[in-house]
């Protein structure tokens, strides 16, 4: 089980690397990459998950014991466990906020050095190269945005050095 500092403040004067996490493979790849970047730059890593109440159509009534916020926290924990197993980054916190993913991440970007996202998350069409959240964040973020295409193989160090 993960043991991060939930909703902890970052070090004063140092902006964090923010990563959007929705539990998709692309967001888990983005989480791994953001951890490497934040470590290399000596910056705090902040994993962010957004949640909202679903739109109601018709007469459907959700289970009164169901909590979308609890689901979002469980998604975050599962994603972090999947990304890091037992080797969590040293300087990492998590944040689960109410709102649409794009809205929450754009707001978080106001206080970030960089925003890292998977190219496609849950929701949307698997064939799209860039999801609506990553597209909105790339357009409106207050910091640089790195969009990770998780379905592509990472180049080897040799291949990069030969270019």
N, C-alpha and C. Protein backbone atom coordinates (compact mmCIF):
# COMPACT_ATOMS: atom_id res chain seq x y z
N UNK A 1 0.85 -1.18 0.00
CA UNK A 1 0.00 0.00 0.00
C UNK A 1 0.88 1.24 0.00
N UNK A 2 0.48 2.26 -0.70
CA UNK A 2 1.32 3.45 -0.82
C UNK A 2 1.32 4.24 0.48
N UNK A 3 2.41 4.95 0.68
CA UNK A 3 2.50 5.81 1.86
C UNK A 3 3.09 7.13 1.43
N UNK A 4 2.27 7.98 0.82
CA UNK A 4 2.72 9.30 0.41
C UNK A 4 2.08 10.33 1.31
N UNK A 5 2.54 11.53 1.21
CA UNK A 5 2.00 12.62 2.01
C UNK A 5 0.85 13.25 1.24
N UNK A 6 -0.37 12.91 1.60
CA UNK A 6 -1.54 13.43 0.91
C UNK A 6 -1.69 14.92 1.14
N UNK A 7 -1.93 15.62 0.04
CA UNK A 7 -2.25 17.04 0.08
C UNK A 7 -1.24 17.86 0.88
N UNK A 8 0.01 17.44 0.87
CA UNK A 8 1.08 18.12 1.59
C UNK A 8 1.58 19.29 0.76
N UNK A 9 1.98 20.35 1.41
CA UNK A 9 2.52 21.50 0.71
C UNK A 9 3.95 21.19 0.25
N UNK A 10 4.30 21.72 -0.91
CA UNK A 10 5.64 21.56 -1.43
C UNK A 10 6.59 22.49 -0.69
N UNK A 11 7.89 22.30 -0.97
CA UNK A 11 8.89 23.18 -0.36
C UNK A 11 8.69 24.61 -0.84
N UNK A 12 8.80 25.60 0.05
CA UNK A 12 8.64 27.00 -0.35
C UNK A 12 9.66 27.38 -1.42
N UNK A 13 9.19 28.14 -2.42
CA UNK A 13 10.08 28.63 -3.46
C UNK A 13 10.39 27.64 -4.56
N UNK A 14 10.01 26.40 -4.40
CA UNK A 14 10.27 25.38 -5.43
C UNK A 14 8.93 24.89 -5.97
N UNK A 15 8.73 25.09 -7.24
CA UNK A 15 7.49 24.62 -7.85
C UNK A 15 7.61 23.13 -8.16
N UNK A 16 6.53 22.39 -7.99
CA UNK A 16 6.58 20.95 -8.23
C UNK A 16 6.36 20.58 -9.70
N UNK A 17 6.65 19.34 -10.00
CA UNK A 17 6.23 18.72 -11.25
C UNK A 17 4.89 18.07 -10.93
N UNK A 18 3.86 18.45 -11.67
CA UNK A 18 2.51 17.92 -11.48
C UNK A 18 2.27 16.84 -12.52
N UNK A 19 1.65 15.74 -12.10
CA UNK A 19 1.28 14.70 -13.06
C UNK A 19 -0.19 14.34 -12.85
N UNK A 20 -0.93 14.30 -13.95
CA UNK A 20 -2.34 13.92 -13.90
C UNK A 20 -2.47 12.41 -13.91
N UNK A 21 -3.24 11.88 -12.97
CA UNK A 21 -3.40 10.43 -12.83
C UNK A 21 -4.88 10.07 -12.88
N UNK A 22 -5.25 9.20 -13.84
CA UNK A 22 -6.62 8.72 -13.90
C UNK A 22 -6.70 7.19 -13.88
N UNK A 23 -5.56 6.55 -13.70
CA UNK A 23 -5.53 5.09 -13.63
C UNK A 23 -5.30 4.41 -14.96
N UNK A 24 -5.33 5.15 -16.05
CA UNK A 24 -5.09 4.57 -17.37
C UNK A 24 -3.60 4.21 -17.52
N UNK A 25 -3.32 3.33 -18.47
CA UNK A 25 -1.92 2.98 -18.74
C UNK A 25 -1.10 4.22 -19.11
N UNK A 26 -1.70 5.11 -19.89
CA UNK A 26 -0.99 6.33 -20.29
C UNK A 26 -0.66 7.21 -19.08
N UNK A 27 -1.57 7.29 -18.12
CA UNK A 27 -1.29 8.13 -16.95
C UNK A 27 -0.25 7.47 -16.03
N UNK A 28 -0.22 6.15 -16.01
CA UNK A 28 0.80 5.45 -15.22
C UNK A 28 2.17 5.65 -15.86
N UNK A 29 2.24 5.61 -17.19
CA UNK A 29 3.49 5.93 -17.89
C UNK A 29 3.92 7.36 -17.59
N UNK A 30 2.95 8.29 -17.60
CA UNK A 30 3.25 9.69 -17.30
C UNK A 30 3.75 9.84 -15.86
N UNK A 31 3.19 9.09 -14.94
CA UNK A 31 3.61 9.12 -13.54
C UNK A 31 5.06 8.67 -13.40
N UNK A 32 5.41 7.59 -14.09
CA UNK A 32 6.81 7.12 -14.05
C UNK A 32 7.77 8.17 -14.62
N UNK A 33 7.39 8.75 -15.76
CA UNK A 33 8.24 9.75 -16.40
C UNK A 33 8.36 11.00 -15.53
N UNK A 34 7.26 11.44 -14.96
CA UNK A 34 7.29 12.63 -14.09
C UNK A 34 8.18 12.40 -12.87
N UNK A 35 8.18 11.17 -12.35
CA UNK A 35 9.04 10.86 -11.21
C UNK A 35 10.51 10.98 -11.60
N UNK A 36 10.86 10.51 -12.78
CA UNK A 36 12.26 10.62 -13.24
C UNK A 36 12.64 12.09 -13.44
N UNK A 37 11.74 12.85 -14.03
CA UNK A 37 12.02 14.27 -14.28
C UNK A 37 12.16 15.03 -12.97
N UNK A 38 11.23 14.85 -12.06
CA UNK A 38 11.28 15.59 -10.79
C UNK A 38 12.52 15.22 -10.00
N UNK A 39 12.90 13.96 -10.02
CA UNK A 39 14.11 13.53 -9.32
C UNK A 39 15.36 14.16 -9.94
N UNK A 40 15.44 14.15 -11.26
CA UNK A 40 16.60 14.71 -11.95
C UNK A 40 16.74 16.21 -11.70
N UNK A 41 15.61 16.90 -11.56
CA UNK A 41 15.63 18.34 -11.35
C UNK A 41 15.61 18.73 -9.87
N UNK A 42 15.51 17.75 -8.98
CA UNK A 42 15.46 18.03 -7.55
C UNK A 42 14.17 18.71 -7.13
N UNK A 43 13.07 18.38 -7.84
CA UNK A 43 11.78 19.01 -7.56
C UNK A 43 10.82 18.02 -6.93
N UNK A 44 9.86 18.54 -6.25
CA UNK A 44 8.79 17.75 -5.65
C UNK A 44 7.89 17.20 -6.76
N UNK A 45 7.38 15.99 -6.58
CA UNK A 45 6.43 15.38 -7.50
C UNK A 45 5.06 15.37 -6.84
N UNK A 46 4.07 15.89 -7.55
CA UNK A 46 2.70 15.94 -7.02
C UNK A 46 1.78 15.25 -8.02
N UNK A 47 1.22 14.12 -7.61
CA UNK A 47 0.27 13.37 -8.43
C UNK A 47 -1.13 13.88 -8.12
N UNK A 48 -1.88 14.22 -9.17
CA UNK A 48 -3.20 14.83 -9.00
C UNK A 48 -4.26 13.99 -9.71
N UNK A 49 -5.34 13.71 -9.01
CA UNK A 49 -6.50 13.03 -9.57
C UNK A 49 -7.72 13.91 -9.32
N UNK A 50 -8.56 14.01 -10.33
CA UNK A 50 -9.80 14.80 -10.21
C UNK A 50 -11.00 13.87 -10.14
N UNK A 51 -12.03 14.33 -9.49
CA UNK A 51 -13.28 13.56 -9.44
C UNK A 51 -14.46 14.52 -9.52
N UNK A 52 -15.58 13.98 -9.95
CA UNK A 52 -16.81 14.75 -9.98
C UNK A 52 -17.99 13.81 -9.88
N UNK A 53 -19.12 14.35 -9.48
CA UNK A 53 -20.34 13.55 -9.45
C UNK A 53 -20.77 13.32 -10.89
N UNK A 54 -21.24 12.12 -11.20
CA UNK A 54 -21.66 11.86 -12.58
C UNK A 54 -22.95 12.62 -12.91
N UNK A 55 -23.10 12.91 -14.20
CA UNK A 55 -24.35 13.51 -14.66
C UNK A 55 -25.46 12.49 -14.52
N UNK A 56 -26.62 12.93 -14.12
CA UNK A 56 -27.77 12.03 -13.95
C UNK A 56 -28.70 12.15 -15.14
N UNK A 57 -29.05 11.03 -15.70
CA UNK A 57 -30.02 10.98 -16.79
C UNK A 57 -31.12 10.02 -16.41
N UNK A 58 -32.33 10.41 -16.64
CA UNK A 58 -33.45 9.52 -16.35
C UNK A 58 -33.68 9.37 -14.87
N UNK A 59 -34.06 8.17 -14.47
CA UNK A 59 -34.42 7.93 -13.07
C UNK A 59 -33.35 7.15 -12.32
N UNK A 60 -32.16 6.99 -12.88
CA UNK A 60 -31.08 6.26 -12.21
C UNK A 60 -30.69 6.97 -10.91
N UNK A 61 -30.61 6.22 -9.83
CA UNK A 61 -30.17 6.76 -8.55
C UNK A 61 -28.96 5.94 -8.10
N UNK A 62 -27.79 6.58 -7.92
CA UNK A 62 -26.62 5.82 -7.50
C UNK A 62 -26.75 5.32 -6.07
N UNK A 63 -25.97 4.32 -5.74
CA UNK A 63 -25.92 3.79 -4.38
C UNK A 63 -25.56 4.93 -3.43
N UNK A 64 -26.32 5.11 -2.37
CA UNK A 64 -26.07 6.21 -1.44
C UNK A 64 -24.75 6.05 -0.69
N UNK A 65 -24.20 4.86 -0.66
CA UNK A 65 -22.92 4.63 0.00
C UNK A 65 -21.73 4.84 -0.92
N UNK A 66 -21.99 5.08 -2.21
CA UNK A 66 -20.92 5.26 -3.17
C UNK A 66 -20.35 6.67 -3.07
N UNK A 67 -19.03 6.77 -3.14
CA UNK A 67 -18.37 8.07 -3.08
C UNK A 67 -17.39 8.18 -4.24
N UNK A 68 -17.62 9.12 -5.17
CA UNK A 68 -16.67 9.29 -6.27
C UNK A 68 -15.30 9.74 -5.76
N UNK A 69 -15.26 10.47 -4.66
CA UNK A 69 -13.97 10.88 -4.10
C UNK A 69 -13.19 9.66 -3.60
N UNK A 70 -13.87 8.74 -2.91
CA UNK A 70 -13.21 7.51 -2.46
C UNK A 70 -12.72 6.69 -3.65
N UNK A 71 -13.53 6.62 -4.72
CA UNK A 71 -13.10 5.92 -5.93
C UNK A 71 -11.85 6.56 -6.52
N UNK A 72 -11.82 7.90 -6.53
CA UNK A 72 -10.65 8.61 -7.07
C UNK A 72 -9.41 8.32 -6.23
N UNK A 73 -9.55 8.30 -4.91
CA UNK A 73 -8.40 7.98 -4.04
C UNK A 73 -7.91 6.56 -4.29
N UNK A 74 -8.86 5.62 -4.46
CA UNK A 74 -8.48 4.23 -4.74
C UNK A 74 -7.78 4.13 -6.10
N UNK A 75 -8.26 4.88 -7.08
CA UNK A 75 -7.61 4.90 -8.40
C UNK A 75 -6.18 5.42 -8.28
N UNK A 76 -5.99 6.48 -7.50
CA UNK A 76 -4.66 7.04 -7.29
C UNK A 76 -3.74 6.00 -6.65
N UNK A 77 -4.20 5.36 -5.60
CA UNK A 77 -3.38 4.36 -4.91
C UNK A 77 -3.01 3.20 -5.83
N UNK A 78 -3.97 2.72 -6.61
CA UNK A 78 -3.71 1.62 -7.53
C UNK A 78 -2.70 2.04 -8.60
N UNK A 79 -2.84 3.25 -9.12
CA UNK A 79 -1.91 3.74 -10.14
C UNK A 79 -0.49 3.88 -9.58
N UNK A 80 -0.37 4.41 -8.38
CA UNK A 80 0.95 4.58 -7.78
C UNK A 80 1.59 3.21 -7.49
N UNK A 81 0.79 2.29 -6.97
CA UNK A 81 1.30 0.93 -6.75
C UNK A 81 1.75 0.31 -8.07
N UNK A 82 0.97 0.51 -9.14
CA UNK A 82 1.32 -0.04 -10.44
C UNK A 82 2.56 0.60 -11.05
N UNK A 83 2.74 1.88 -10.80
CA UNK A 83 3.88 2.60 -11.37
C UNK A 83 5.19 2.31 -10.63
N UNK A 84 5.11 2.19 -9.31
CA UNK A 84 6.33 2.14 -8.52
C UNK A 84 6.51 0.89 -7.66
N UNK A 85 5.48 0.09 -7.51
CA UNK A 85 5.49 -1.09 -6.64
C UNK A 85 5.98 -0.69 -5.26
N UNK A 86 7.15 -1.16 -4.84
CA UNK A 86 7.64 -0.87 -3.48
C UNK A 86 8.66 0.27 -3.43
N UNK A 87 8.99 0.87 -4.56
CA UNK A 87 10.02 1.91 -4.60
C UNK A 87 9.40 3.26 -4.94
N UNK A 88 8.71 3.86 -3.99
CA UNK A 88 8.07 5.15 -4.20
C UNK A 88 9.11 6.26 -4.28
N UNK A 89 8.86 7.27 -5.11
CA UNK A 89 9.75 8.43 -5.13
C UNK A 89 9.82 9.07 -3.74
N UNK A 90 10.98 9.58 -3.40
CA UNK A 90 11.17 10.14 -2.05
C UNK A 90 10.31 11.37 -1.79
N UNK A 91 10.27 12.29 -2.74
CA UNK A 91 9.61 13.57 -2.51
C UNK A 91 8.34 13.64 -3.35
N UNK A 92 7.32 12.88 -2.94
CA UNK A 92 6.08 12.80 -3.70
C UNK A 92 4.89 12.98 -2.77
N UNK A 93 3.88 13.68 -3.27
CA UNK A 93 2.61 13.79 -2.56
C UNK A 93 1.49 13.52 -3.55
N UNK A 94 0.30 13.33 -3.03
CA UNK A 94 -0.87 13.12 -3.87
C UNK A 94 -1.92 14.16 -3.51
N UNK A 95 -2.78 14.43 -4.49
CA UNK A 95 -3.85 15.38 -4.29
C UNK A 95 -5.06 14.87 -5.06
N UNK A 96 -6.20 14.75 -4.38
CA UNK A 96 -7.45 14.35 -5.02
C UNK A 96 -8.40 15.52 -4.87
N UNK A 97 -8.82 16.10 -6.01
CA UNK A 97 -9.65 17.31 -5.99
C UNK A 97 -10.92 17.13 -6.78
N UNK A 98 -11.97 17.79 -6.31
CA UNK A 98 -13.25 17.79 -7.01
C UNK A 98 -13.16 18.73 -8.21
N UNK A 99 -13.67 18.26 -9.35
CA UNK A 99 -13.73 19.07 -10.56
C UNK A 99 -13.45 18.21 -11.77
N UNK A 100 -13.60 18.82 -12.93
CA UNK A 100 -13.27 18.09 -14.15
C UNK A 100 -11.75 17.96 -14.24
N UNK A 101 -11.25 16.90 -14.84
CA UNK A 101 -9.78 16.73 -14.92
C UNK A 101 -9.07 17.94 -15.54
N UNK A 102 -9.55 18.43 -16.67
CA UNK A 102 -8.87 19.57 -17.31
C UNK A 102 -8.88 20.79 -16.40
N UNK A 103 -10.02 21.09 -15.79
CA UNK A 103 -10.15 22.25 -14.91
C UNK A 103 -9.17 22.15 -13.73
N UNK A 104 -9.13 21.00 -13.09
CA UNK A 104 -8.27 20.80 -11.92
C UNK A 104 -6.80 20.91 -12.31
N UNK A 105 -6.41 20.25 -13.39
CA UNK A 105 -5.00 20.26 -13.80
C UNK A 105 -4.54 21.64 -14.27
N UNK A 106 -5.40 22.36 -14.97
CA UNK A 106 -5.04 23.72 -15.39
C UNK A 106 -4.86 24.61 -14.17
N UNK A 107 -5.73 24.48 -13.18
CA UNK A 107 -5.58 25.25 -11.94
C UNK A 107 -4.28 24.87 -11.21
N UNK A 108 -4.01 23.56 -11.11
CA UNK A 108 -2.77 23.11 -10.47
C UNK A 108 -1.53 23.63 -11.20
N UNK A 109 -1.64 23.79 -12.53
CA UNK A 109 -0.49 24.24 -13.31
C UNK A 109 -0.05 25.66 -12.96
N UNK A 110 -0.91 26.42 -12.32
CA UNK A 110 -0.54 27.79 -11.90
C UNK A 110 0.65 27.78 -10.95
N UNK A 111 0.81 26.69 -10.23
CA UNK A 111 1.85 26.61 -9.19
C UNK A 111 2.84 25.49 -9.50
N UNK A 112 3.06 25.22 -10.79
CA UNK A 112 3.90 24.08 -11.18
C UNK A 112 5.04 24.50 -12.09
N UNK A 113 6.10 23.75 -12.02
CA UNK A 113 7.22 23.92 -12.94
C UNK A 113 6.89 23.27 -14.28
N UNK A 114 6.17 22.14 -14.22
CA UNK A 114 5.81 21.39 -15.41
C UNK A 114 4.59 20.55 -15.10
N UNK A 115 3.78 20.31 -16.13
CA UNK A 115 2.62 19.43 -16.03
C UNK A 115 2.86 18.26 -16.97
N UNK A 116 2.76 17.03 -16.44
CA UNK A 116 3.00 15.83 -17.24
C UNK A 116 1.69 15.05 -17.32
N UNK A 117 1.34 14.65 -18.54
CA UNK A 117 0.08 13.95 -18.79
C UNK A 117 0.28 12.81 -19.76
N UNK A 118 -0.56 11.80 -19.64
CA UNK A 118 -0.62 10.78 -20.66
C UNK A 118 -1.40 11.32 -21.85
N UNK A 119 -1.10 10.81 -23.04
CA UNK A 119 -1.76 11.34 -24.23
C UNK A 119 -3.24 10.97 -24.27
N UNK A 120 -3.59 9.84 -23.70
CA UNK A 120 -5.00 9.41 -23.66
C UNK A 120 -5.25 8.81 -22.30
N UNK A 121 -6.38 9.16 -21.72
CA UNK A 121 -6.75 8.58 -20.44
C UNK A 121 -8.01 7.77 -20.56
N UNK A 122 -8.65 7.54 -19.43
CA UNK A 122 -9.94 6.86 -19.46
C UNK A 122 -10.97 7.84 -20.01
N UNK A 123 -11.89 7.31 -20.74
CA UNK A 123 -12.86 8.19 -21.39
C UNK A 123 -12.32 8.61 -22.73
N UNK A 124 -13.18 8.76 -23.68
CA UNK A 124 -12.71 9.12 -25.01
C UNK A 124 -12.51 7.87 -25.85
N UNK A 125 -11.95 8.07 -26.99
CA UNK A 125 -11.79 6.98 -27.94
C UNK A 125 -10.34 6.54 -27.98
N UNK A 126 -10.10 5.25 -27.86
CA UNK A 126 -8.74 4.72 -27.78
C UNK A 126 -7.91 5.06 -29.00
N UNK A 127 -8.51 5.29 -30.13
CA UNK A 127 -7.76 5.58 -31.34
C UNK A 127 -7.25 7.00 -31.44
N UNK A 128 -7.72 7.89 -30.59
CA UNK A 128 -7.26 9.27 -30.66
C UNK A 128 -5.83 9.39 -30.18
N UNK A 129 -5.04 10.22 -30.84
CA UNK A 129 -3.66 10.41 -30.43
C UNK A 129 -3.55 11.34 -29.23
N UNK A 130 -4.48 12.26 -29.09
CA UNK A 130 -4.43 13.22 -28.00
C UNK A 130 -5.84 13.35 -27.43
N UNK A 131 -5.98 13.07 -26.13
CA UNK A 131 -7.28 13.14 -25.49
C UNK A 131 -7.73 14.56 -25.23
N UNK A 132 -8.98 14.73 -24.87
CA UNK A 132 -9.53 16.06 -24.64
C UNK A 132 -8.88 16.76 -23.45
N UNK A 133 -8.55 16.00 -22.40
CA UNK A 133 -7.92 16.61 -21.23
C UNK A 133 -6.51 17.08 -21.57
N UNK A 134 -5.71 16.22 -22.20
CA UNK A 134 -4.34 16.63 -22.54
C UNK A 134 -4.34 17.76 -23.55
N UNK A 135 -5.29 17.76 -24.46
CA UNK A 135 -5.39 18.84 -25.44
C UNK A 135 -5.75 20.16 -24.76
N UNK A 136 -6.73 20.15 -23.86
CA UNK A 136 -7.13 21.36 -23.14
C UNK A 136 -5.99 21.88 -22.28
N UNK A 137 -5.29 20.98 -21.61
CA UNK A 137 -4.17 21.40 -20.75
C UNK A 137 -3.03 21.97 -21.57
N UNK A 138 -2.73 21.36 -22.71
CA UNK A 138 -1.67 21.87 -23.58
C UNK A 138 -1.99 23.28 -24.05
N UNK A 139 -3.26 23.54 -24.27
CA UNK A 139 -3.69 24.85 -24.76
C UNK A 139 -3.74 25.91 -23.67
N UNK A 140 -4.15 25.53 -22.45
CA UNK A 140 -4.45 26.54 -21.42
C UNK A 140 -3.59 26.47 -20.16
N UNK A 141 -2.63 25.58 -20.10
CA UNK A 141 -1.80 25.44 -18.91
C UNK A 141 -0.99 26.71 -18.65
N UNK A 142 -0.63 26.90 -17.39
CA UNK A 142 0.17 28.05 -16.97
C UNK A 142 1.65 27.69 -16.86
N UNK A 143 2.02 26.50 -17.30
CA UNK A 143 3.41 26.05 -17.25
C UNK A 143 3.64 25.14 -18.46
N UNK A 144 4.89 24.76 -18.71
CA UNK A 144 5.14 23.82 -19.81
C UNK A 144 4.41 22.49 -19.57
N UNK A 145 3.96 21.86 -20.65
CA UNK A 145 3.23 20.60 -20.58
C UNK A 145 3.99 19.54 -21.38
N UNK A 146 4.19 18.39 -20.76
CA UNK A 146 4.81 17.25 -21.42
C UNK A 146 3.73 16.18 -21.56
N UNK A 147 3.45 15.78 -22.79
CA UNK A 147 2.44 14.76 -23.03
C UNK A 147 3.15 13.48 -23.43
N UNK A 148 2.93 12.43 -22.64
CA UNK A 148 3.60 11.15 -22.83
C UNK A 148 2.73 10.25 -23.69
N UNK A 149 3.30 9.74 -24.75
CA UNK A 149 2.61 8.76 -25.60
C UNK A 149 3.07 7.39 -25.14
N UNK A 150 2.31 6.79 -24.25
CA UNK A 150 2.68 5.55 -23.59
C UNK A 150 2.74 4.34 -24.48
N UNK A 151 2.14 4.39 -25.66
CA UNK A 151 2.14 3.22 -26.52
C UNK A 151 3.36 3.14 -27.42
N UNK A 152 4.26 4.09 -27.29
CA UNK A 152 5.48 4.09 -28.09
C UNK A 152 6.64 3.57 -27.24
N UNK A 153 7.50 2.80 -27.84
CA UNK A 153 8.67 2.30 -27.13
C UNK A 153 9.63 3.45 -26.87
N UNK A 154 10.23 3.47 -25.68
CA UNK A 154 11.21 4.49 -25.37
C UNK A 154 12.48 4.20 -26.13
N UNK A 155 13.14 5.23 -26.70
CA UNK A 155 14.39 4.98 -27.40
C UNK A 155 15.48 4.57 -26.43
N UNK A 156 16.38 3.74 -26.89
CA UNK A 156 17.51 3.34 -26.04
C UNK A 156 18.47 4.50 -25.93
N UNK A 157 19.33 4.46 -24.93
CA UNK A 157 20.34 5.52 -24.75
C UNK A 157 21.26 5.58 -25.97
N UNK A 158 21.60 4.45 -26.53
CA UNK A 158 22.47 4.41 -27.69
C UNK A 158 21.82 5.09 -28.87
N UNK A 159 20.53 4.78 -29.11
CA UNK A 159 19.83 5.37 -30.24
C UNK A 159 19.74 6.90 -30.10
N UNK A 160 19.51 7.38 -28.89
CA UNK A 160 19.44 8.82 -28.67
C UNK A 160 20.80 9.46 -28.90
N UNK A 161 21.86 8.81 -28.42
CA UNK A 161 23.21 9.34 -28.56
C UNK A 161 23.71 9.33 -29.99
N UNK A 162 23.16 8.48 -30.82
CA UNK A 162 23.61 8.38 -32.21
C UNK A 162 22.98 9.43 -33.12
N UNK A 163 22.01 10.17 -32.64
CA UNK A 163 21.30 11.13 -33.51
C UNK A 163 22.09 12.35 -33.77
